[in-house]
Protein backbone atom coordinates (compact mmCIF):
# COMPACT_ATOMS: atom_id res chain seq x y z
CA MET A 1 -13.69 -10.07 -30.57
CA GLN A 2 -17.15 -9.26 -28.95
CA ALA A 3 -18.41 -5.48 -29.52
CA ASP A 4 -18.89 -5.32 -25.60
CA ILE A 5 -15.03 -5.99 -24.98
CA VAL A 6 -13.83 -3.83 -27.76
CA HIS A 7 -16.21 -0.92 -26.44
CA HIS A 8 -14.93 -1.26 -22.87
CA ALA A 9 -11.28 -1.59 -23.95
CA ALA A 10 -11.73 1.80 -25.88
CA LEU A 11 -13.13 3.27 -22.64
CA ASP A 12 -10.16 1.94 -20.82
CA ALA A 13 -7.77 3.37 -23.04
CA ARG A 14 -9.39 6.88 -22.68
CA LEU A 15 -9.46 6.42 -18.74
CA VAL A 16 -5.53 5.54 -18.82
CA LYS A 17 -5.04 8.81 -20.76
CA ALA A 18 -7.43 10.87 -18.63
CA VAL A 19 -5.66 10.01 -15.49
CA ARG A 20 -1.95 10.39 -16.67
CA GLY A 21 -1.43 13.59 -14.55
CA ILE A 22 -3.27 12.43 -11.39
CA LYS A 23 -0.35 11.41 -9.47
CA LEU A 24 -1.55 11.30 -5.88
CA LEU A 25 1.37 10.47 -3.63
CA SER A 26 3.87 12.50 -5.55
CA LEU A 27 1.90 15.71 -5.80
CA ALA A 28 0.61 15.40 -2.21
CA SER A 29 4.02 14.55 -0.52
CA TRP A 30 6.47 16.92 1.04
CA PRO A 31 9.59 18.44 -0.31
CA ALA A 32 12.69 16.88 1.05
CA ASP A 33 14.00 20.22 2.31
CA ALA A 34 11.17 20.50 4.97
CA GLN A 35 12.91 18.12 7.22
CA ALA A 36 16.21 19.82 8.32
CA PRO A 37 14.62 23.20 9.35
CA PHE A 38 12.16 21.30 11.56
CA LEU A 39 14.48 19.07 13.39
CA ALA A 40 16.74 22.05 13.86
CA GLY A 41 13.79 23.40 15.67
CA VAL A 42 13.42 20.37 17.66
CA ALA A 43 17.12 20.27 18.72
CA ARG A 44 16.88 23.84 20.08
CA GLY A 45 13.77 23.13 21.91
CA GLN A 46 11.46 25.06 19.85
CA PRO A 47 9.72 22.94 17.29
CA VAL A 48 7.76 24.91 14.50
CA LEU A 49 4.81 23.56 12.54
CA PRO A 50 6.05 22.90 8.93
CA VAL A 51 4.14 24.91 6.40
CA ILE A 52 4.10 23.26 3.08
CA ASP A 53 3.51 25.02 -0.10
CA TYR A 54 1.39 22.90 -2.62
CA PRO A 55 0.79 23.35 -5.98
CA ARG A 56 -2.58 24.74 -7.31
CA LEU A 57 -4.09 22.09 -9.82
CA ASP A 58 -7.09 21.73 -11.88
CA PHE A 59 -8.30 18.58 -13.17
CA GLY A 60 -11.47 19.72 -14.74
CA ASP A 61 -10.78 18.22 -18.38
CA ALA A 62 -9.82 15.05 -16.65
CA ARG A 63 -12.81 14.77 -14.38
CA ARG A 64 -15.12 15.46 -17.31
CA GLU A 65 -13.44 12.74 -19.27
CA LEU A 66 -13.73 10.31 -16.32
CA ALA A 67 -17.14 11.15 -16.07
CA ALA A 68 -17.99 10.35 -19.77
CA VAL A 69 -15.97 7.13 -19.46
CA SER A 70 -18.47 5.96 -16.62
CA ALA A 71 -21.45 7.11 -18.39
CA ALA A 72 -20.47 5.07 -21.32
CA ALA A 73 -19.63 1.98 -19.42
CA ASP A 74 -22.12 -0.88 -18.98
CA ALA A 75 -22.66 -1.29 -15.27
CA SER A 76 -23.93 -4.88 -15.62
CA HIS A 77 -20.71 -5.96 -17.53
CA PRO A 78 -17.66 -6.76 -15.35
CA LEU A 79 -15.43 -4.51 -17.52
CA GLY A 80 -17.99 -1.65 -17.23
CA HIS A 81 -18.31 -2.07 -13.56
CA TYR A 82 -14.70 -2.20 -13.01
CA LEU A 83 -14.49 1.13 -15.21
CA ARG A 84 -17.04 2.95 -13.57
CA GLU A 85 -15.61 2.16 -10.03
CA SER A 86 -12.32 2.98 -11.35
CA ALA A 87 -13.41 6.46 -12.74
CA ARG A 88 -15.05 7.34 -9.63
CA SER A 89 -11.83 6.62 -7.58
CA TRP A 90 -9.81 8.81 -9.83
CA ASP A 91 -12.36 11.50 -9.70
CA ILE A 92 -12.07 11.61 -6.01
CA ALA A 93 -8.24 11.46 -6.21
CA ALA A 94 -8.44 14.61 -8.52
CA GLN A 95 -10.72 16.34 -5.93
CA LEU A 96 -8.36 15.61 -3.20
CA LEU A 97 -5.40 16.98 -5.22
CA GLU A 98 -7.40 20.13 -6.11
CA SER A 99 -7.90 20.68 -2.59
CA LEU A 100 -4.19 20.11 -1.30
CA GLY A 101 -3.34 22.13 1.80
CA SER A 102 -7.01 22.57 2.78
CA PRO A 103 -8.84 20.35 5.49
CA ARG A 104 -11.05 19.10 2.70
CA VAL A 105 -8.35 16.72 1.69
CA THR A 106 -9.39 14.72 4.75
CA ASP A 107 -12.80 14.14 3.60
CA HIS A 108 -11.69 12.82 0.04
CA SER A 109 -8.88 10.85 1.81
CA ILE A 110 -11.58 9.03 3.89
CA ALA A 111 -13.46 8.41 0.87
CA LEU A 112 -10.69 6.63 -0.77
CA PHE A 113 -8.92 4.81 2.32
CA GLY A 114 -11.33 4.94 5.24
CA THR A 115 -10.46 5.67 8.90
CA PRO A 116 -8.91 3.88 11.96
CA GLU A 117 -12.17 3.42 13.28
CA GLU A 118 -13.44 1.21 10.46
CA CYS A 119 -14.13 -2.36 11.16
CA LEU A 120 -11.77 -5.17 9.86
CA PRO A 121 -13.47 -7.71 7.32
CA GLY A 122 -15.79 -10.02 8.95
CA ASP A 123 -17.17 -7.67 11.34
CA GLY A 124 -14.12 -7.72 13.45
CA PRO A 125 -12.49 -5.30 15.73
CA THR A 126 -11.69 -1.76 14.32
CA THR A 127 -8.45 -0.97 12.44
CA ARG A 128 -7.15 1.06 15.55
CA ASP A 129 -8.10 -1.83 17.99
CA ALA A 130 -5.95 -4.07 15.82
CA ALA A 131 -3.31 -1.42 15.85
CA ARG A 132 -3.29 -1.14 19.50
CA HIS A 133 -3.07 -4.83 19.93
CA PHE A 134 0.03 -5.06 17.80
CA ILE A 135 1.84 -2.04 19.55
CA THR A 136 1.23 -3.81 22.86
CA ILE A 137 2.61 -6.83 21.77
CA ALA A 138 5.67 -5.37 20.29
CA ASN A 139 6.15 -3.28 23.29
CA ASP A 140 6.27 -6.42 25.60
CA LEU A 141 8.48 -8.43 23.65
CA ASP A 142 12.21 -8.49 24.94
CA HIS A 143 14.26 -6.62 21.97
CA GLU A 144 17.39 -8.77 23.31
CA LEU A 145 15.75 -11.89 21.66
CA LEU A 146 16.83 -10.31 18.28
CA ALA A 147 19.67 -11.94 16.92
CA PRO A 148 22.95 -10.04 16.58
CA GLU A 149 22.81 -10.18 12.70
CA GLU A 150 19.41 -8.68 12.81
CA GLN A 151 20.62 -5.33 14.80
CA ILE A 152 23.54 -4.49 12.37
CA PRO A 153 22.35 -1.73 10.08
CA VAL A 154 22.63 -2.03 6.21
CA SER A 155 23.61 0.94 4.05
CA ALA A 156 21.33 2.20 1.28
CA THR A 157 24.47 1.35 -1.09
CA ALA A 158 24.88 -2.21 0.32
CA LEU A 159 21.22 -3.06 0.20
CA GLN A 160 20.98 -1.55 -3.34
CA LEU A 161 23.57 -4.14 -4.62
CA GLN A 162 22.04 -6.68 -2.60
CA LEU A 163 18.31 -6.10 -3.71
CA GLN A 164 19.47 -5.62 -7.44
CA ALA A 165 21.10 -9.13 -7.32
CA ASP A 166 17.95 -10.52 -5.74
CA LEU A 167 15.72 -9.14 -8.61
CA ASP A 168 18.32 -9.89 -11.33
CA ASP A 169 18.11 -13.51 -10.05
CA PHE A 170 14.32 -13.71 -9.83
CA PHE A 171 13.65 -12.09 -13.48
CA ASP A 172 16.77 -13.86 -14.81
CA GLY A 173 17.84 -10.42 -16.19
CA ARG A 174 17.64 -6.54 -15.75
CA VAL A 175 13.83 -6.05 -15.59
CA ILE A 176 13.65 -3.75 -12.21
CA THR A 177 16.45 -1.27 -11.60
CA VAL A 178 17.23 -0.09 -7.97
CA GLU A 179 18.58 3.48 -7.54
CA LEU A 180 19.39 5.70 -4.78
CA ASP A 181 17.50 8.85 -4.29
CA PRO A 182 18.72 11.63 -2.11
CA THR A 183 15.75 13.51 -2.34
CA LEU A 184 13.35 10.57 -1.09
CA ILE A 185 11.52 11.19 2.27
CA ALA A 186 10.35 7.69 2.37
CA LYS A 187 12.96 4.87 2.74
CA ALA A 188 11.82 3.30 -0.41
CA ALA A 189 9.34 3.80 -3.30
CA ALA A 190 8.31 1.21 -6.15
CA GLY A 191 7.31 1.71 -9.69
CA ALA A 192 6.94 -0.83 -12.44
CA THR A 193 10.60 -0.83 -13.60
CA ARG A 194 12.29 1.10 -10.63
CA ILE A 195 12.76 0.83 -6.93
CA ARG A 196 14.20 4.00 -5.23
CA LEU A 197 15.98 3.85 -1.82
CA ARG A 198 16.64 6.93 0.07
CA HIS A 199 20.32 7.65 -0.09
CA GLY A 200 21.80 7.72 3.32
CA ALA A 201 19.37 5.83 5.22
CA ALA A 202 20.10 2.77 7.29
CA PHE A 203 18.44 -0.47 6.94
CA SER A 204 18.14 -3.62 8.66
CA ASP A 205 18.16 -7.35 7.37
CA TYR A 206 14.56 -7.52 7.49
CA ASP A 207 14.14 -4.30 5.63
CA ARG A 208 15.84 -6.22 2.37
CA ARG A 209 13.36 -8.96 2.67
CA GLN A 210 10.38 -6.78 2.89
CA LEU A 211 11.50 -4.59 0.20
CA LEU A 212 11.81 -7.66 -2.18
CA GLN A 213 8.41 -9.27 -1.30
CA HIS A 214 6.24 -6.12 -0.72
CA GLU A 215 7.55 -3.43 -3.01
CA ALA A 216 9.52 -5.49 -5.94
CA LEU A 217 7.41 -8.80 -5.98
CA VAL A 218 3.93 -7.17 -5.25
CA HIS A 219 3.72 -3.35 -6.46
CA SER A 220 6.21 -3.67 -9.09
CA LEU A 221 5.31 -7.22 -10.42
CA THR A 222 1.67 -6.42 -10.62
CA ALA A 223 2.40 -3.29 -12.42
CA LEU A 224 4.69 -5.27 -15.01
CA ASN A 225 1.92 -7.94 -15.33
CA GLY A 226 -0.59 -5.30 -15.81
CA ARG A 227 1.22 -3.85 -18.90
CA GLU A 228 0.61 -7.54 -20.59
CA GLN A 229 -3.06 -6.94 -20.54
CA VAL A 230 -3.96 -5.89 -24.17
CA HIS A 231 -7.55 -5.10 -23.61
CA LEU A 232 -7.27 -3.65 -19.85
CA PRO A 233 -3.91 -1.70 -19.73
CA SER A 234 -5.29 0.43 -16.89
CA LEU A 235 -4.47 -2.84 -14.71
CA ALA A 236 -1.10 -1.60 -14.68
CA LEU A 237 -1.80 1.83 -12.93
CA SER A 238 -2.19 2.14 -9.06
CA SER A 239 -5.67 3.34 -9.03
CA PRO A 240 -6.48 4.58 -5.66
CA ARG A 241 -9.28 2.11 -5.29
CA VAL A 242 -6.91 -0.71 -5.34
CA THR A 243 -4.56 0.70 -2.53
CA ALA A 244 -6.18 -1.51 0.20
CA THR A 245 -5.86 -4.80 -1.79
CA GLN A 246 -2.24 -3.95 -2.96
CA GLU A 247 -1.01 -2.88 0.51
CA GLY A 248 -2.70 -5.99 1.95
CA LEU A 249 -1.31 -8.33 -0.72
CA ALA A 250 2.09 -6.86 -0.06
CA THR A 251 2.14 -7.16 3.50
CA PHE A 252 0.61 -10.62 3.34
CA ALA A 253 3.39 -11.49 1.11
CA GLU A 254 5.81 -10.18 3.71
CA GLN A 255 3.97 -12.57 6.17
CA ILE A 256 3.57 -15.78 4.43
CA THR A 257 7.56 -15.59 3.62
CA GLY A 258 8.64 -14.86 6.97
CA SER A 259 9.94 -11.33 5.97
CA ILE A 260 7.83 -9.39 8.45
CA ASP A 261 8.94 -8.97 11.88
CA ILE A 262 7.09 -7.56 15.03
CA GLU A 263 8.67 -4.15 14.73
CA ARG A 264 7.60 -3.68 11.14
CA MET A 265 4.08 -4.57 12.53
CA LYS A 266 4.51 -2.00 15.24
CA ARG A 267 5.51 0.97 12.53
CA ILE A 268 2.39 0.07 10.55
CA SER A 269 0.10 0.10 13.69
CA LEU A 270 1.87 3.48 14.93
CA ARG A 271 0.80 5.11 11.82
CA ILE A 272 -2.79 4.20 12.27
CA GLU A 273 -2.78 5.46 15.84
CA ALA A 274 -1.14 8.68 14.60
CA VAL A 275 -3.69 9.03 11.84
CA ALA A 276 -6.35 8.76 14.56
CA MET A 277 -4.58 11.49 16.76
CA ALA A 278 -4.53 13.83 13.78
CA LEU A 279 -8.17 13.50 13.23
CA ALA A 280 -8.94 14.10 16.66
CA GLY A 281 -6.86 17.37 16.63
CA ALA A 282 -3.22 16.63 17.38
CA ASP A 283 -0.85 18.74 15.33
CA PHE A 284 2.33 17.84 13.69
CA VAL A 285 4.60 18.48 16.47
CA GLU A 286 2.45 16.07 18.72
CA VAL A 287 2.32 13.39 16.42
CA PHE A 288 6.32 13.68 15.71
CA ARG A 289 6.62 13.47 19.64
CA TYR A 290 4.30 10.35 19.52
CA PHE A 291 6.63 8.56 17.16
CA VAL A 292 9.75 9.82 19.19
CA ASP A 293 8.34 8.33 22.49
CA ALA A 294 7.47 5.14 20.55
CA GLY A 295 11.12 4.60 19.76
CA GLN A 296 11.73 6.19 16.57
CA ASN A 297 14.70 8.42 15.94
CA PRO A 298 13.95 12.11 14.87
CA ALA A 299 14.56 11.56 11.34
CA GLU A 300 12.28 8.57 11.28
CA SER A 301 9.76 10.24 13.31
CA PHE A 302 9.57 13.06 10.96
CA SER A 303 8.97 10.89 7.87
CA SER A 304 6.37 8.88 9.72
CA ALA A 305 4.52 12.11 10.69
CA GLN A 306 4.77 13.73 7.45
CA ARG A 307 3.08 10.69 5.78
CA VAL A 308 -0.02 11.35 8.24
CA PHE A 309 -0.09 15.11 7.17
CA ARG A 310 0.42 14.73 3.32
CA GLY A 311 -1.85 17.36 1.69
CA VAL A 312 -3.40 18.68 4.81
CA PRO A 313 -2.87 21.67 7.31
CA THR A 314 -0.26 20.58 9.92
CA SER A 315 -2.29 22.40 12.79
CA GLY A 316 -4.57 19.36 13.71
CA GLY A 317 -7.83 17.96 13.06
CA ALA A 318 -7.13 16.74 9.36
CA ALA A 319 -4.93 13.62 8.11
CA PHE A 320 -4.10 11.73 4.98
CA THR A 321 -5.42 8.30 5.85
CA LYS A 322 -3.94 6.14 3.55
CA ASP A 323 -1.86 4.09 6.16
CA THR A 324 -5.22 2.86 7.58
CA VAL A 325 -5.11 0.47 4.71
CA TYR A 326 -2.40 -1.68 5.75
CA LEU A 327 -3.95 -3.92 8.33
CA ARG A 328 -7.49 -3.78 7.10
CA GLY A 329 -5.89 -4.77 3.49
CA LEU A 330 -3.79 -7.63 5.16
CA VAL A 331 -6.85 -9.07 6.84
CA GLY A 332 -9.08 -8.87 3.68
CA VAL A 333 -6.54 -10.74 1.58
CA HIS A 334 -5.65 -13.29 4.31
CA THR A 335 -9.29 -14.05 4.50
CA PHE A 336 -9.51 -14.00 0.55
CA PHE A 337 -6.63 -16.67 0.39
CA ARG A 338 -8.09 -18.76 3.01
CA HIS A 339 -11.70 -18.67 1.39
CA SER A 340 -10.31 -19.48 -1.95
CA LEU A 341 -8.47 -22.84 -0.22
CA GLN A 342 -11.80 -23.69 1.17
CA GLN A 343 -13.66 -23.28 -2.23
CA ASP A 344 -10.84 -24.97 -3.98
CA ARG A 345 -10.19 -21.77 -6.24
CA LEU A 346 -6.50 -20.95 -5.40
CA ARG A 347 -6.44 -20.08 -9.07
CA LEU A 348 -8.19 -16.78 -8.06
CA CYS A 349 -4.98 -16.11 -5.63
CA ARG A 350 -2.74 -16.26 -8.70
CA ARG A 351 -4.92 -14.16 -10.93
CA LEU A 352 -4.49 -11.27 -8.44
CA PHE A 353 -0.95 -10.75 -9.69
CA ALA A 354 -2.45 -10.34 -13.29
CA GLY A 355 -2.68 -6.50 -12.65
CA LYS A 356 -3.63 -4.05 -9.96
CA MET A 357 -7.09 -4.91 -9.22
CA THR A 358 -9.47 -5.20 -6.02
CA LEU A 359 -10.43 -8.68 -4.45
CA GLU A 360 -13.91 -8.02 -5.86
CA ASP A 361 -12.36 -7.34 -9.27
CA VAL A 362 -10.42 -10.94 -9.45
CA ALA A 363 -13.75 -12.79 -8.91
CA GLY A 364 -15.79 -10.60 -11.35
CA PHE A 365 -12.93 -11.02 -13.92
CA GLU A 366 -12.98 -14.76 -13.94
CA PRO A 367 -15.01 -15.16 -17.16
CA LEU A 368 -12.64 -12.94 -18.76
CA PHE A 369 -9.60 -14.89 -17.59
CA GLU A 370 -11.23 -18.09 -18.79
CA SER A 371 -12.18 -16.76 -22.37
CA GLY A 372 -8.68 -15.29 -22.65
CA VAL A 373 -9.73 -11.73 -22.72
CA LEU A 374 -7.54 -10.97 -19.52
CA ALA A 375 -4.03 -12.63 -19.45
CA PRO A 376 -2.84 -14.96 -16.79
CA PRO A 377 0.08 -13.18 -14.84
CA ARG A 378 3.42 -13.52 -16.68
CA TRP A 379 5.58 -13.18 -13.41
CA LEU A 380 4.33 -14.76 -10.01
CA PRO A 381 6.07 -14.71 -6.65
CA ARG A 382 7.48 -17.99 -5.74
CA TRP A 383 5.36 -18.62 -2.79
CA VAL A 384 2.25 -18.17 -5.14
CA GLY A 385 3.63 -20.29 -7.87
CA ARG A 386 4.21 -23.16 -5.47
CA ALA A 387 0.47 -23.87 -4.93
CA SER A 388 1.03 -27.09 -2.78
CA GLY A 389 3.20 -25.20 -0.06
CA LEU A 390 0.40 -22.12 -0.13
CA ALA A 391 -2.26 -24.54 0.18
CA GLY A 392 -0.46 -26.38 3.38
CA MET A 393 0.04 -23.04 5.02
CA LEU A 394 -3.50 -21.72 4.53
CA ALA A 395 -4.88 -25.08 5.43
CA PHE A 396 -2.82 -25.03 8.83
CA SER A 397 -4.03 -21.37 9.26
CA LEU A 398 -7.70 -22.55 8.88
CA PHE A 399 -7.52 -25.25 11.34
CA ALA A 400 -5.36 -23.29 14.01
CA ASN A 401 -8.26 -20.30 13.78
CA ARG A 402 -10.66 -22.92 15.44
CA ILE A 403 -8.40 -23.04 18.62
CA ARG A 404 -9.78 -20.96 21.54
CA LEU A 405 -6.99 -19.62 23.10
CA ASP A 406 -8.95 -18.06 26.14
CA ARG A 407 -10.01 -21.63 26.88
CA LEU A 408 -6.39 -23.31 27.23
CA SER A 409 -5.17 -24.02 30.58
CA ALA A 410 -2.87 -21.62 32.11
CA ASP A 411 -0.45 -24.47 32.90
């Protein structure tokens, strides 16, 4: 083994150990018992801003170790560059957690995830412009076009059984367990070997497919494949810097498998608009009412609003901006796949599943995959493994994008 690989593998092991307690989403999330008092106030016509008691955290030791790892990494080496960027992102996440409950969280969140006003890849429109586009389309569509079976709610218990069967079939055994969690505020959450569903929540038929493709076969799968990396086990971790690529890849998986519907695009887009509102001064009650007015029920509106106010004061002018990465990540991943097809490098798309990495990482890691330092993904979603079908879909996308809709006849 080359000395540079051994050196950076040792640094990666130190990074993995240092970030063990930096659990960004779980530490910034609200307790489940915050919902009932707020909704009771809404029912009385007297909503009160939630006040969340966040833990006081000190990651000084972890941050010093991250700085040491970064200093020892060779910035000119693909592994060194990866480690320096990863250490920087974990350091910002640690600073965010140390600032929980204060407006300073917003600055750290923007450093990690950006804002709604950022342009999409390729100097496109802003993320917020794209969100408004999808909201308008969703509002213009006739909901009666939905098939009757798409409107029947599915219980969390039924979905647990269905999703577990889907996963057992994919892995040919029990690799990921689906569990019910009464304390979960989000409808679902995924780890490497466990997917949790909120007990008592109602799901749709689309939710089942979205959870399979998005949570299980991207988020969980990349974590499992990352665990196979002997020399770079940090590829199993949800580093904050990979969030845009991870969420973009997961949403792209929904799209390319036909698992996404316009209502899902609307929910993603509403969150982006809500983040912009909060940054502009809207408080929690105003953002909650925005979701209600957009058609969400009170419980889901609370869940959506609390995503925007994770870790920040609820009085307005601050926001947790993670939800802005979904559309930006989707466009970035879609562009990456199309470009890979143009360059006859679809292998890069498959390697993107070898662990949790950015689009930049997968290109920089190419010589390491070729030499065997990094292992190819053990598991792949079927739509990625079937290269011919993927190429056919992307080829059509490349051609269709040449058509100028504004030049078509109104006839």
